[in-house]
C-alpha atoms as a PDB file:
ATOM      1  CA  MET A   1     110.275  77.406  48.552  1.00  0.00           C
ATOM      2  CA  LEU A   2     108.196  77.286  51.929  1.00  0.00           C
ATOM      3  CA  PHE A   3     108.963  80.362  54.474  1.00  0.00           C
ATOM      4  CA  SER A   4     109.798  77.427  57.021  1.00  0.00           C
ATOM      5  CA  GLN A   5     112.425  76.511  54.361  1.00  0.00           C
ATOM      6  CA  LEU A   6     113.274  79.677  53.980  1.00  0.00           C
ATOM      7  CA  PHE A   7     113.538  80.596  57.504  1.00  0.00           C
ATOM      8  CA  ASN A   8     115.908  77.904  57.756  1.00  0.00           C
ATOM      9  CA  SER A   9     118.120  78.835  55.071  1.00  0.00           C
ATOM     10  CA  VAL A  10     118.428  82.712  55.822  1.00  0.00           C
ATOM     11  CA  PRO A  11     121.051  83.872  58.629  1.00  0.00           C
ATOM     12  CA  THR A  12     119.567  84.554  61.914  1.00  0.00           C
ATOM     13  CA  SER A  13     120.361  88.378  61.763  1.00  0.00           C
ATOM     14  CA  LEU A  14     118.327  88.890  58.273  1.00  0.00           C
ATOM     15  CA  ILE A  15     114.830  87.066  59.970  1.00  0.00           C
ATOM     16  CA  ARG A  16     113.841  90.123  61.727  1.00  0.00           C
ATOM     17  CA  PRO A  17     113.735  92.247  59.151  1.00  0.00           C
ATOM     18  CA  ILE A  18     111.943  89.736  57.116  1.00  0.00           C
ATOM     19  CA  LEU A  19     109.836  89.313  60.056  1.00  0.00           C
ATOM     20  CA  LEU A  20     109.041  93.321  60.012  1.00  0.00           C
ATOM     21  CA  LEU A  21     108.193  93.028  56.618  1.00  0.00           C
ATOM     22  CA  THR A  22     105.874  89.958  56.782  1.00  0.00           C
ATOM     23  CA  ARG A  23     103.614  92.110  59.989  1.00  0.00           C
ATOM     24  CA  THR A  24     100.893  93.458  58.712  1.00  0.00           C
ATOM     25  CA  PRO A  25     100.740  97.456  59.879  1.00  0.00           C
ATOM     26  CA  PRO A  26      99.098  97.961  62.785  1.00  0.00           C
ATOM     27  CA  LEU A  27      95.177  99.902  62.809  1.00  0.00           C
ATOM     28  CA  ARG A  28      94.534 103.164  63.749  1.00  0.00           C
ATOM     29  CA  ARG A  29      93.450 102.972  68.076  1.00  0.00           C
ATOM     30  CA  GLN A  30      90.263 104.539  67.896  1.00  0.00           C
ATOM     31  CA  PHE A  31      88.932 106.730  70.320  1.00  0.00           C
ATOM     32  CA  SER A  32      86.873 104.558  73.209  1.00  0.00           C
ATOM     33  CA  SER A  33      85.488 105.765  76.778  1.00  0.00           C
ATOM     34  CA  THR A  34      85.559 102.031  78.042  1.00  0.00           C
ATOM     35  CA  PRO A  35      89.063 100.648  78.711  1.00  0.00           C
ATOM     36  CA  SER A  36      90.610  98.045  76.707  1.00  0.00           C
ATOM     37  CA  ILE A  37      89.598  94.403  78.021  1.00  0.00           C
ATOM     38  CA  SER A  38      93.533  93.636  79.016  1.00  0.00           C
ATOM     39  CA  ARG A  39      93.704  97.290  80.855  1.00  0.00           C
ATOM     40  CA  GLU A  40      90.973  96.179  82.792  1.00  0.00           C
ATOM     41  CA  HIS A  41      92.148  92.800  83.844  1.00  0.00           C
ATOM     42  CA  ARG A  42      95.662  95.216  84.354  1.00  0.00           C
ATOM     43  CA  LEU A  43      93.964  97.321  87.068  1.00  0.00           C
ATOM     44  CA  VAL A  44      91.907  94.374  88.438  1.00  0.00           C
ATOM     45  CA  VAL A  45      95.261  92.359  88.991  1.00  0.00           C
ATOM     46  CA  SER A  46      97.389  95.175  90.449  1.00  0.00           C
ATOM     47  CA  ARG A  47      95.210  96.722  92.727  1.00  0.00           C
ATOM     48  CA  ARG A  48      95.612  96.624  96.005  1.00  0.00           C
ATOM     49  CA  VAL A  49      92.748  95.758  99.166  1.00  0.00           C
ATOM     50  CA  MET A  50      92.908  97.691 102.310  1.00  0.00           C
ATOM     51  CA  GLN A  51      92.916  95.706 105.090  1.00  0.00           C
ATOM     52  CA  ARG A  52      90.402  96.074 108.005  1.00  0.00           C
ATOM     53  CA  PRO A  53      92.367  97.105 111.539  1.00  0.00           C
ATOM     54  CA  ALA A  54      91.447  94.448 113.727  1.00  0.00           C
ATOM     55  CA  LEU A  55      88.928  95.176 116.041  1.00  0.00           C
ATOM     56  CA  LYS A  56      90.075  96.853 119.350  1.00  0.00           C
ATOM     57  CA  THR A  57      88.500  95.476 122.470  1.00  0.00           C
ATOM     58  CA  ASN A  58      89.416  95.940 126.403  1.00  0.00           C
ATOM     59  CA  PHE A  59      90.805  93.906 128.384  1.00  0.00           C
ATOM     60  CA  TRP A  60      87.332  92.770 130.019  1.00  0.00           C
ATOM     61  CA  VAL A  61      85.637  91.676 127.229  1.00  0.00           C
ATOM     62  CA  LYS A  62      88.491  89.484 125.761  1.00  0.00           C
ATOM     63  CA  LYS A  63      89.254  87.537 129.177  1.00  0.00           C
ATOM     64  CA  HIS A  64      85.184  87.312 129.439  1.00  0.00           C
ATOM     65  CA  LEU A  65      85.121  86.064 126.340  1.00  0.00           C
ATOM     66  CA  ALA A  66      88.137  83.990 126.937  1.00  0.00           C
ATOM     67  CA  THR A  67      85.828  81.757 129.328  1.00  0.00           C
ATOM     68  CA  GLY A  68      83.643  80.681 126.854  1.00  0.00           C
ATOM     69  CA  ARG A  69      80.168  82.149 128.564  1.00  0.00           C
ATOM     70  CA  ARG A  70      77.837  84.890 127.553  1.00  0.00           C
ATOM     71  CA  ILE A  71      76.144  86.304 130.283  1.00  0.00           C
ATOM     72  CA  LYS A  72      72.943  86.575 128.935  1.00  0.00           C
ATOM     73  CA  TYR A  73      70.082  89.363 129.949  1.00  0.00           C
ATOM     74  CA  PRO A  74      66.573  89.414 130.215  1.00  0.00           C
ATOM     75  CA  PRO A  75      64.640  90.744 126.865  1.00  0.00           C
ATOM     76  CA  TYR A  76      64.255  94.338 127.360  1.00  0.00           C
ATOM     77  CA  PRO A  77      60.218  95.072 127.410  1.00  0.00           C
ATOM     78  CA  TYR A  78      60.359  98.058 125.883  1.00  0.00           C
ATOM     79  CA  GLY A  79      62.778  96.937 123.304  1.00  0.00           C
ATOM     80  CA  ASP A  80      65.516  99.549 120.999  1.00  0.00           C
ATOM     81  CA  ALA A  81      64.802 102.922 120.630  1.00  0.00           C
ATOM     82  CA  THR A  82      63.948 102.892 116.492  1.00  0.00           C
ATOM     83  CA  VAL A  83      64.474 107.102 116.051  1.00  0.00           C
ATOM     84  CA  PHE A  84      66.857 108.001 117.740  1.00  0.00           C
ATOM     85  CA  LYS A  85      69.452 104.894 118.179  1.00  0.00           C
ATOM     86  CA  ARG A  86      72.568 106.507 119.553  1.00  0.00           C
ATOM     87  CA  SER A  87      70.144 106.429 122.642  1.00  0.00           C
ATOM     88  CA  ASN A  88      70.188 102.804 123.028  1.00  0.00           C
ATOM     89  CA  ARG A  89      73.364 102.256 124.214  1.00  0.00           C
ATOM     90  CA  GLY A  90      73.165 104.811 126.979  1.00  0.00           C
ATOM     91  CA  LEU A  91      71.555 106.444 129.976  1.00  0.00           C
ATOM     92  CA  PHE A  92      69.779 109.038 127.458  1.00  0.00           C
ATOM     93  CA  GLY A  93      66.699 109.726 129.964  1.00  0.00           C
ATOM     94  CA  GLY A  94      64.430 109.349 127.331  1.00  0.00           C
ATOM     95  CA  ARG A  95      65.598 111.917 125.759  1.00  0.00           C
ATOM     96  CA  PHE A  96      65.572 112.133 122.109  1.00  0.00           C
ATOM     97  CA  PRO A  97      66.019 115.770 119.198  1.00  0.00           C
ATOM     98  CA  GLN A  98      63.860 117.810 119.728  1.00  0.00           C
ATOM     99  CA  SER A  99      63.272 120.241 116.056  1.00  0.00           C
ATOM    100  CA  GLY A 100      61.521 123.447 115.715  1.00  0.00           C
ATOM    101  CA  ASN A 101      62.364 127.044 113.776  1.00  0.00           C
ATOM    102  CA  ILE A 102      64.381 129.385 114.181  1.00  0.00           C
ATOM    103  CA  VAL A 103      62.856 132.816 113.364  1.00  0.00           C
ATOM    104  CA  THR A 104      64.861 135.920 112.440  1.00  0.00           C
ATOM    105  CA  GLU A 105      63.970 139.360 113.796  1.00  0.00           C
ATOM    106  CA  LYS A 106      63.271 141.861 111.028  1.00  0.00           C
ATOM    107  CA  LEU A 107      61.275 139.620 108.096  1.00  0.00           C
ATOM    108  CA  GLU A 108      60.442 136.503 110.251  1.00  0.00           C
ATOM    109  CA  ASN A 109      61.626 134.007 107.926  1.00  0.00           C
ATOM    110  CA  LYS A 110      61.435 130.248 109.876  1.00  0.00           C
ATOM    111  CA  ILE A 111      64.365 128.177 109.550  1.00  0.00           C
ATOM    112  CA  LYS A 112      63.707 124.853 110.162  1.00  0.00           C
ATOM    113  CA  ARG A 113      66.757 122.730 112.702  1.00  0.00           C
ATOM    114  CA  ARG A 114      67.220 120.269 115.427  1.00  0.00           C
ATOM    115  CA  TRP A 115      67.848 120.263 118.870  1.00  0.00           C
ATOM    116  CA  LEU A 116      70.141 117.736 120.212  1.00  0.00           C
ATOM    117  CA  PRO A 117      70.016 116.320 123.982  1.00  0.00           C
ATOM    118  CA  ASN A 118      73.177 117.221 125.919  1.00  0.00           C
ATOM    119  CA  ILE A 119      75.054 113.996 125.915  1.00  0.00           C
ATOM    120  CA  VAL A 120      77.873 114.167 127.823  1.00  0.00           C
ATOM    121  CA  VAL A 121      80.831 110.837 128.076  1.00  0.00           C
ATOM    122  CA  THR A 122      81.568 109.677 132.318  1.00  0.00           C
ATOM    123  CA  SER A 123      82.951 107.616 133.707  1.00  0.00           C
ATOM    124  CA  LEU A 124      80.460 106.794 136.702  1.00  0.00           C
ATOM    125  CA  TYR A 125      81.630 104.195 139.920  1.00  0.00           C
ATOM    126  CA  SER A 126      79.761 100.846 140.918  1.00  0.00           C
ATOM    127  CA  ASP A 127      79.600 100.063 143.944  1.00  0.00           C
ATOM    128  CA  ALA A 128      77.596  96.542 143.372  1.00  0.00           C
ATOM    129  CA  LEU A 129      80.404  95.675 140.151  1.00  0.00           C
ATOM    130  CA  LYS A 130      83.275  97.651 141.962  1.00  0.00           C
ATOM    131  CA  ARG A 131      84.663  99.524 138.930  1.00  0.00           C
ATOM    132  CA  SER A 132      84.390 102.650 136.562  1.00  0.00           C
ATOM    133  CA  ILE A 133      82.032 102.651 133.766  1.00  0.00           C
ATOM    134  CA  ARG A 134      82.450 104.186 130.405  1.00  0.00           C
ATOM    135  CA  LEU A 135      78.693 106.040 129.737  1.00  0.00           C
ATOM    136  CA  HIS A 136      77.258 107.748 127.858  1.00  0.00           C
ATOM    137  CA  CYS A 137      74.787 109.750 129.903  1.00  0.00           C
ATOM    138  CA  ALA A 138      72.396 112.669 129.479  1.00  0.00           C
ATOM    139  CA  THR A 139      73.427 115.608 131.890  1.00  0.00           C
ATOM    140  CA  LYS A 140      70.069 115.133 133.405  1.00  0.00           C
ATOM    141  CA  VAL A 141      70.303 111.561 133.927  1.00  0.00           C
ATOM    142  CA  LEU A 142      73.379 112.737 135.798  1.00  0.00           C
ATOM    143  CA  LYS A 143      71.380 115.096 138.132  1.00  0.00           C
ATOM    144  CA  THR A 144      68.995 112.255 138.841  1.00  0.00           C
ATOM    145  CA  ILE A 145      72.025 109.701 139.544  1.00  0.00           C
ATOM    146  CA  LYS A 146      73.379 112.295 142.050  1.00  0.00           C
ATOM    147  CA  LYS A 147      69.816 112.753 143.834  1.00  0.00           C
ATOM    148  CA  GLU A 148      69.333 108.966 144.149  1.00  0.00           C
ATOM    149  CA  GLY A 149      72.746 108.676 145.843  1.00  0.00           C
ATOM    150  CA  GLY A 150      74.434 106.666 142.945  1.00  0.00           C
ATOM    151  CA  LEU A 151      74.161 104.736 139.566  1.00  0.00           C
ATOM    152  CA  ASP A 152      73.051 101.300 141.530  1.00  0.00           C
ATOM    153  CA  ASN A 153      70.445 103.268 143.324  1.00  0.00           C
ATOM    154  CA  TYR A 154      69.240 104.981 139.821  1.00  0.00           C
ATOM    155  CA  LEU A 155      69.857 101.216 138.196  1.00  0.00           C
ATOM    156  CA  THR A 156      67.998  99.672 140.726  1.00  0.00           C
ATOM    157  CA  LYS A 157      64.752 101.514 141.189  1.00  0.00           C
ATOM    158  CA  ASP A 158      61.714  99.474 140.232  1.00  0.00           C
ATOM    159  CA  LYS A 159      59.428 102.498 138.735  1.00  0.00           C
ATOM    160  CA  ALA A 160      58.101 101.495 135.785  1.00  0.00           C
ATOM    161  CA  ALA A 161      59.022 105.003 134.486  1.00  0.00           C
ATOM    162  CA  ARG A 162      62.564 104.477 135.321  1.00  0.00           C
ATOM    163  CA  ILE A 163      62.279 101.306 133.886  1.00  0.00           C
ATOM    164  CA  LYS A 164      61.053 103.057 130.568  1.00  0.00           C
ATOM    165  CA  GLU A 165      64.126 105.528 130.185  1.00  0.00           C
ATOM    166  CA  LEU A 166      67.177 103.001 131.322  1.00  0.00           C
ATOM    167  CA  GLY A 167      67.409 102.220 127.419  1.00  0.00           C
ATOM    168  CA  PRO A 168      68.702  98.715 126.596  1.00  0.00           C
ATOM    169  CA  ARG A 169      72.015  99.636 128.214  1.00  0.00           C
ATOM    170  CA  GLY A 170      70.556 100.996 130.951  1.00  0.00           C
ATOM    171  CA  TRP A 171      69.048  97.320 131.452  1.00  0.00           C
ATOM    172  CA  ARG A 172      72.106  95.019 130.539  1.00  0.00           C
ATOM    173  CA  LEU A 173      74.163  97.050 133.932  1.00  0.00           C
ATOM    174  CA  ARG A 174      70.770  96.790 135.622  1.00  0.00           C
ATOM    175  CA  TYR A 175      70.596  93.519 135.563  1.00  0.00           C
ATOM    176  CA  ALA A 176      74.422  92.880 136.464  1.00  0.00           C
ATOM    177  CA  VAL A 177      74.168  95.036 138.889  1.00  0.00           C
ATOM    178  CA  LEU A 178      71.417  92.740 140.674  1.00  0.00           C
ATOM    179  CA  LEU A 179      73.093  89.814 140.192  1.00  0.00           C
ATOM    180  CA  ARG A 180      76.136  90.963 141.576  1.00  0.00           C
ATOM    181  CA  LYS A 181      73.920  92.045 145.070  1.00  0.00           C
ATOM    182  CA  GLN A 182      72.261  88.947 144.595  1.00  0.00           C
ATOM    183  CA  ARG A 183      75.529  86.611 144.758  1.00  0.00           C
ATOM    184  CA  VAL A 184      76.999  89.445 147.489  1.00  0.00           C
ATOM    185  CA  HIS A 185      73.875  89.445 150.186  1.00  0.00           C
ATOM    186  CA  PRO A 186      71.071  86.610 149.090  1.00  0.00           C
ATOM    187  CA  SER A 187      68.635  87.243 151.633  1.00  0.00           C
ATOM    188  CA  THR A 188      68.205  90.944 150.474  1.00  0.00           C
ATOM    189  CA  LEU A 189      67.257  90.243 146.701  1.00  0.00           C
END
């Protein structure tokens, strides 16, 4: 008698015990340091993927980008800083980290260390742009800005040394100030 005929002739209450008898016994699980394929698949399917938060942009940038126009800045003649890249985003006045040693008093042991430039975050008002600009500035640059008579005078000075110490961010600000001054007083520039 075939199993299918037996299966049809036997009442359903007895089918389960028969199936249990016909199954092969489970194999003993062996130790493995790698998870099984079914487990790996389950982990991949069920894991949560972290979503990146939306980029925060200020109102001026949103308004400017909504117009579809981008300001084209002339290339900075001295290029971006490669050693102290943080100086590309502020007015650092050519300052960069200094290195040296701390020498102990008793045994004169030398310990290497770095001295970072004194950088403060400040808002400076531009008369030409008629708004405040938040900048990372070296304190020495703040002293020079005060001596020059304001941010616009500091940015628009024509000396080669000043242009070199402006950095890429200062170069863009200088260009924006000069554009605005040219629009207001076309004959003076």
